[in-house]
Amino acid sequence: MNHIDVKKLGLAFGATGAILYLGCILLMATVGHTGTVKFFNSLLHGLDVSSVIRMDVPVWEAALGIAQTFILGWLIGACIAAVYNAASSQRTT
């Protein structure tokens, strides 16, 4: 029976979330407020994010955000793996 390694899937989810967060930081640093608003408006299909985009994020807050995103991603990935393993270990009759 196949099992998913809980720690490895957690790491994969956490790292992916942190990389996406870093991508957002890079986007905001390079294209400015207008470009950031256009990018996220296009992703969110008509939802206007101009009132919630904050460009003056301190470095400590961005670092905390990366850490929080990694931890939440790790917990989500680990939870998915644990539930999958628990469900796949039950016998079907």
N, C-alpha and C. Protein backbone atom coordinates (compact mmCIF):
# COMPACT_ATOMS: atom_id res chain seq x y z
N MET A 1 0.84 -1.17 0.00
CA MET A 1 0.00 0.00 0.00
C MET A 1 0.89 1.24 0.00
N ASN A 2 0.56 2.21 -0.80
CA ASN A 2 1.35 3.42 -0.90
C ASN A 2 1.02 4.39 0.24
N HIS A 3 2.07 4.98 0.77
CA HIS A 3 1.92 6.01 1.80
C HIS A 3 2.71 7.24 1.38
N ILE A 4 2.22 8.38 1.76
CA ILE A 4 2.90 9.63 1.49
C ILE A 4 3.70 10.01 2.73
N ASP A 5 4.94 10.39 2.53
CA ASP A 5 5.78 10.86 3.63
C ASP A 5 5.24 12.21 4.10
N VAL A 6 4.76 12.25 5.33
CA VAL A 6 4.10 13.44 5.87
C VAL A 6 5.07 14.63 5.89
N LYS A 7 6.29 14.42 6.36
CA LYS A 7 7.26 15.51 6.46
C LYS A 7 7.66 16.03 5.08
N LYS A 8 7.82 15.12 4.12
CA LYS A 8 8.24 15.55 2.78
C LYS A 8 7.14 16.33 2.07
N LEU A 9 5.90 15.89 2.18
CA LEU A 9 4.81 16.64 1.55
C LEU A 9 4.62 17.98 2.24
N GLY A 10 4.76 18.00 3.56
CA GLY A 10 4.69 19.26 4.29
C GLY A 10 5.77 20.22 3.83
N LEU A 11 6.99 19.71 3.66
CA LEU A 11 8.09 20.54 3.18
C LEU A 11 7.81 21.06 1.77
N ALA A 12 7.27 20.21 0.91
CA ALA A 12 6.97 20.62 -0.46
C ALA A 12 5.92 21.73 -0.49
N PHE A 13 4.87 21.59 0.28
CA PHE A 13 3.84 22.62 0.35
C PHE A 13 4.39 23.92 0.95
N GLY A 14 5.14 23.80 2.04
CA GLY A 14 5.71 24.97 2.68
C GLY A 14 6.68 25.72 1.79
N ALA A 15 7.56 24.98 1.12
CA ALA A 15 8.53 25.60 0.22
C ALA A 15 7.83 26.26 -0.96
N THR A 16 6.81 25.61 -1.49
CA THR A 16 6.06 26.20 -2.61
C THR A 16 5.39 27.50 -2.19
N GLY A 17 4.78 27.52 -1.03
CA GLY A 17 4.15 28.74 -0.53
C GLY A 17 5.17 29.85 -0.33
N ALA A 18 6.33 29.53 0.23
CA ALA A 18 7.37 30.53 0.46
C ALA A 18 7.91 31.07 -0.86
N ILE A 19 8.07 30.21 -1.86
CA ILE A 19 8.53 30.65 -3.17
C ILE A 19 7.50 31.58 -3.82
N LEU A 20 6.23 31.24 -3.71
CA LEU A 20 5.18 32.12 -4.23
C LEU A 20 5.18 33.47 -3.51
N TYR A 21 5.40 33.46 -2.22
CA TYR A 21 5.47 34.70 -1.44
C TYR A 21 6.64 35.55 -1.91
N LEU A 22 7.79 34.91 -2.11
CA LEU A 22 8.96 35.64 -2.62
C LEU A 22 8.69 36.19 -4.01
N GLY A 23 7.94 35.45 -4.82
CA GLY A 23 7.56 35.93 -6.14
C GLY A 23 6.70 37.18 -6.05
N CYS A 24 5.80 37.21 -5.09
CA CYS A 24 4.97 38.41 -4.89
C CYS A 24 5.83 39.60 -4.47
N ILE A 25 6.80 39.35 -3.60
CA ILE A 25 7.70 40.43 -3.18
C ILE A 25 8.46 40.97 -4.38
N LEU A 26 8.99 40.07 -5.20
CA LEU A 26 9.73 40.48 -6.40
C LEU A 26 8.84 41.26 -7.37
N LEU A 27 7.63 40.77 -7.56
CA LEU A 27 6.68 41.46 -8.43
C LEU A 27 6.42 42.88 -7.94
N MET A 28 6.12 43.02 -6.66
CA MET A 28 5.81 44.33 -6.11
C MET A 28 7.00 45.27 -6.18
N ALA A 29 8.21 44.72 -6.00
CA ALA A 29 9.41 45.55 -6.03
C ALA A 29 9.76 46.02 -7.44
N THR A 30 9.36 45.26 -8.44
CA THR A 30 9.78 45.59 -9.81
C THR A 30 8.73 46.35 -10.61
N VAL A 31 7.46 46.08 -10.41
CA VAL A 31 6.44 46.71 -11.28
C VAL A 31 5.68 47.85 -10.60
N GLY A 32 5.89 48.06 -9.31
CA GLY A 32 5.23 49.16 -8.62
C GLY A 32 3.76 48.89 -8.33
N HIS A 33 3.10 49.91 -7.79
CA HIS A 33 1.71 49.78 -7.35
C HIS A 33 0.77 49.48 -8.52
N THR A 34 0.89 50.23 -9.59
CA THR A 34 -0.03 50.07 -10.73
C THR A 34 0.10 48.68 -11.35
N GLY A 35 1.33 48.24 -11.57
CA GLY A 35 1.56 46.92 -12.15
C GLY A 35 1.10 45.80 -11.24
N THR A 36 1.31 45.97 -9.94
CA THR A 36 0.87 44.97 -8.97
C THR A 36 -0.65 44.85 -8.97
N VAL A 37 -1.33 45.99 -8.98
CA VAL A 37 -2.80 45.99 -9.01
C VAL A 37 -3.30 45.32 -10.29
N LYS A 38 -2.70 45.67 -11.43
CA LYS A 38 -3.12 45.05 -12.70
C LYS A 38 -2.91 43.55 -12.67
N PHE A 39 -1.76 43.10 -12.16
CA PHE A 39 -1.46 41.66 -12.10
C PHE A 39 -2.49 40.92 -11.25
N PHE A 40 -2.73 41.40 -10.02
CA PHE A 40 -3.65 40.69 -9.14
C PHE A 40 -5.11 40.83 -9.56
N ASN A 41 -5.45 41.95 -10.17
CA ASN A 41 -6.81 42.08 -10.71
C ASN A 41 -7.05 41.07 -11.82
N SER A 42 -6.03 40.83 -12.64
CA SER A 42 -6.20 39.85 -13.72
C SER A 42 -6.28 38.42 -13.18
N LEU A 43 -5.58 38.15 -12.10
CA LEU A 43 -5.65 36.81 -11.49
C LEU A 43 -7.00 36.56 -10.82
N LEU A 44 -7.56 37.61 -10.26
CA LEU A 44 -8.79 37.46 -9.47
C LEU A 44 -10.05 37.79 -10.27
N HIS A 45 -9.94 37.86 -11.57
CA HIS A 45 -11.09 37.98 -12.48
C HIS A 45 -12.10 39.05 -12.09
N GLY A 46 -11.64 40.28 -12.10
CA GLY A 46 -12.55 41.40 -11.90
C GLY A 46 -12.63 41.92 -10.49
N LEU A 47 -12.02 41.26 -9.54
CA LEU A 47 -12.00 41.76 -8.18
C LEU A 47 -10.96 42.88 -8.10
N ASP A 48 -11.36 44.04 -7.64
CA ASP A 48 -10.44 45.18 -7.57
C ASP A 48 -9.66 45.15 -6.27
N VAL A 49 -8.34 44.96 -6.38
CA VAL A 49 -7.49 44.87 -5.19
C VAL A 49 -6.75 46.17 -4.89
N SER A 50 -7.06 47.22 -5.64
CA SER A 50 -6.30 48.47 -5.49
C SER A 50 -6.39 49.04 -4.07
N SER A 51 -7.48 48.82 -3.39
CA SER A 51 -7.62 49.38 -2.04
C SER A 51 -6.92 48.55 -0.97
N VAL A 52 -6.50 47.33 -1.28
CA VAL A 52 -5.85 46.49 -0.27
C VAL A 52 -4.37 46.26 -0.52
N ILE A 53 -3.85 46.72 -1.66
CA ILE A 53 -2.42 46.57 -1.94
C ILE A 53 -1.66 47.63 -1.15
N ARG A 54 -0.73 47.17 -0.34
CA ARG A 54 0.09 48.07 0.48
C ARG A 54 1.54 47.91 0.05
N MET A 55 2.14 48.97 -0.46
CA MET A 55 3.48 48.89 -1.02
C MET A 55 4.58 49.17 0.02
N ASP A 56 4.25 49.74 1.14
CA ASP A 56 5.26 50.11 2.14
C ASP A 56 5.38 49.05 3.24
N VAL A 57 5.64 47.81 2.84
CA VAL A 57 5.75 46.71 3.79
C VAL A 57 7.19 46.68 4.33
N PRO A 58 7.37 46.76 5.65
CA PRO A 58 8.73 46.70 6.20
C PRO A 58 9.35 45.30 6.00
N VAL A 59 10.67 45.25 5.99
CA VAL A 59 11.38 44.00 5.76
C VAL A 59 11.03 42.97 6.83
N TRP A 60 10.93 43.38 8.08
CA TRP A 60 10.62 42.43 9.15
C TRP A 60 9.24 41.80 8.95
N GLU A 61 8.30 42.59 8.43
CA GLU A 61 6.95 42.08 8.20
C GLU A 61 6.93 41.09 7.04
N ALA A 62 7.71 41.37 6.00
CA ALA A 62 7.82 40.45 4.87
C ALA A 62 8.48 39.14 5.29
N ALA A 63 9.51 39.23 6.12
CA ALA A 63 10.18 38.02 6.61
C ALA A 63 9.24 37.19 7.47
N LEU A 64 8.47 37.86 8.32
CA LEU A 64 7.48 37.16 9.14
C LEU A 64 6.43 36.50 8.25
N GLY A 65 6.02 37.19 7.20
CA GLY A 65 5.04 36.63 6.26
C GLY A 65 5.56 35.39 5.56
N ILE A 66 6.84 35.39 5.17
CA ILE A 66 7.43 34.20 4.54
C ILE A 66 7.41 33.04 5.53
N ALA A 67 7.82 33.31 6.77
CA ALA A 67 7.85 32.25 7.78
C ALA A 67 6.45 31.71 8.05
N GLN A 68 5.47 32.59 8.18
CA GLN A 68 4.10 32.16 8.45
C GLN A 68 3.54 31.35 7.27
N THR A 69 3.84 31.80 6.06
CA THR A 69 3.37 31.08 4.87
C THR A 69 3.99 29.69 4.81
N PHE A 70 5.29 29.60 5.12
CA PHE A 70 5.95 28.29 5.13
C PHE A 70 5.32 27.37 6.17
N ILE A 71 5.10 27.88 7.36
CA ILE A 71 4.54 27.05 8.44
C ILE A 71 3.13 26.59 8.08
N LEU A 72 2.29 27.51 7.59
CA LEU A 72 0.92 27.11 7.21
C LEU A 72 0.95 26.10 6.06
N GLY A 73 1.82 26.33 5.08
CA GLY A 73 1.95 25.38 3.97
C GLY A 73 2.40 24.02 4.46
N TRP A 74 3.37 24.00 5.38
CA TRP A 74 3.85 22.73 5.92
C TRP A 74 2.71 22.00 6.64
N LEU A 75 1.96 22.73 7.44
CA LEU A 75 0.86 22.10 8.17
C LEU A 75 -0.22 21.57 7.22
N ILE A 76 -0.52 22.32 6.17
CA ILE A 76 -1.51 21.87 5.19
C ILE A 76 -1.04 20.61 4.47
N GLY A 77 0.22 20.62 4.01
CA GLY A 77 0.77 19.45 3.32
C GLY A 77 0.83 18.24 4.23
N ALA A 78 1.26 18.43 5.46
CA ALA A 78 1.33 17.32 6.41
C ALA A 78 -0.05 16.77 6.72
N CYS A 79 -1.04 17.65 6.84
CA CYS A 79 -2.41 17.22 7.10
C CYS A 79 -2.96 16.42 5.93
N ILE A 80 -2.72 16.89 4.72
CA ILE A 80 -3.18 16.16 3.53
C ILE A 80 -2.56 14.77 3.49
N ALA A 81 -1.25 14.69 3.73
CA ALA A 81 -0.57 13.39 3.71
C ALA A 81 -1.10 12.47 4.81
N ALA A 82 -1.31 13.01 6.00
CA ALA A 82 -1.80 12.19 7.11
C ALA A 82 -3.21 11.66 6.84
N VAL A 83 -4.06 12.51 6.32
CA VAL A 83 -5.43 12.08 6.02
C VAL A 83 -5.41 11.04 4.90
N TYR A 84 -4.59 11.27 3.87
CA TYR A 84 -4.47 10.30 2.78
C TYR A 84 -3.98 8.96 3.30
N ASN A 85 -2.94 8.99 4.13
CA ASN A 85 -2.40 7.75 4.67
C ASN A 85 -3.42 7.02 5.54
N ALA A 86 -4.16 7.77 6.35
CA ALA A 86 -5.17 7.15 7.20
C ALA A 86 -6.29 6.55 6.36
N ALA A 87 -6.70 7.26 5.32
CA ALA A 87 -7.79 6.76 4.48
C ALA A 87 -7.33 5.56 3.64
N SER A 88 -6.09 5.57 3.18
CA SER A 88 -5.63 4.48 2.33
C SER A 88 -5.26 3.23 3.12
N SER A 89 -5.07 3.37 4.44
CA SER A 89 -4.72 2.21 5.25
C SER A 89 -5.95 1.42 5.69
N GLN A 90 -7.13 1.99 5.56
CA GLN A 90 -8.35 1.28 5.92
C GLN A 90 -8.68 0.27 4.83
N ARG A 91 -9.09 -0.90 5.23
CA ARG A 91 -9.43 -1.95 4.27
C ARG A 91 -10.82 -1.71 3.71
N THR A 92 -10.94 -1.93 2.41
CA THR A 92 -12.26 -1.87 1.79
C THR A 92 -12.77 -3.29 1.60
N THR A 93 -14.04 -3.49 1.83
CA THR A 93 -14.60 -4.84 1.67
C THR A 93 -15.60 -4.89 0.56
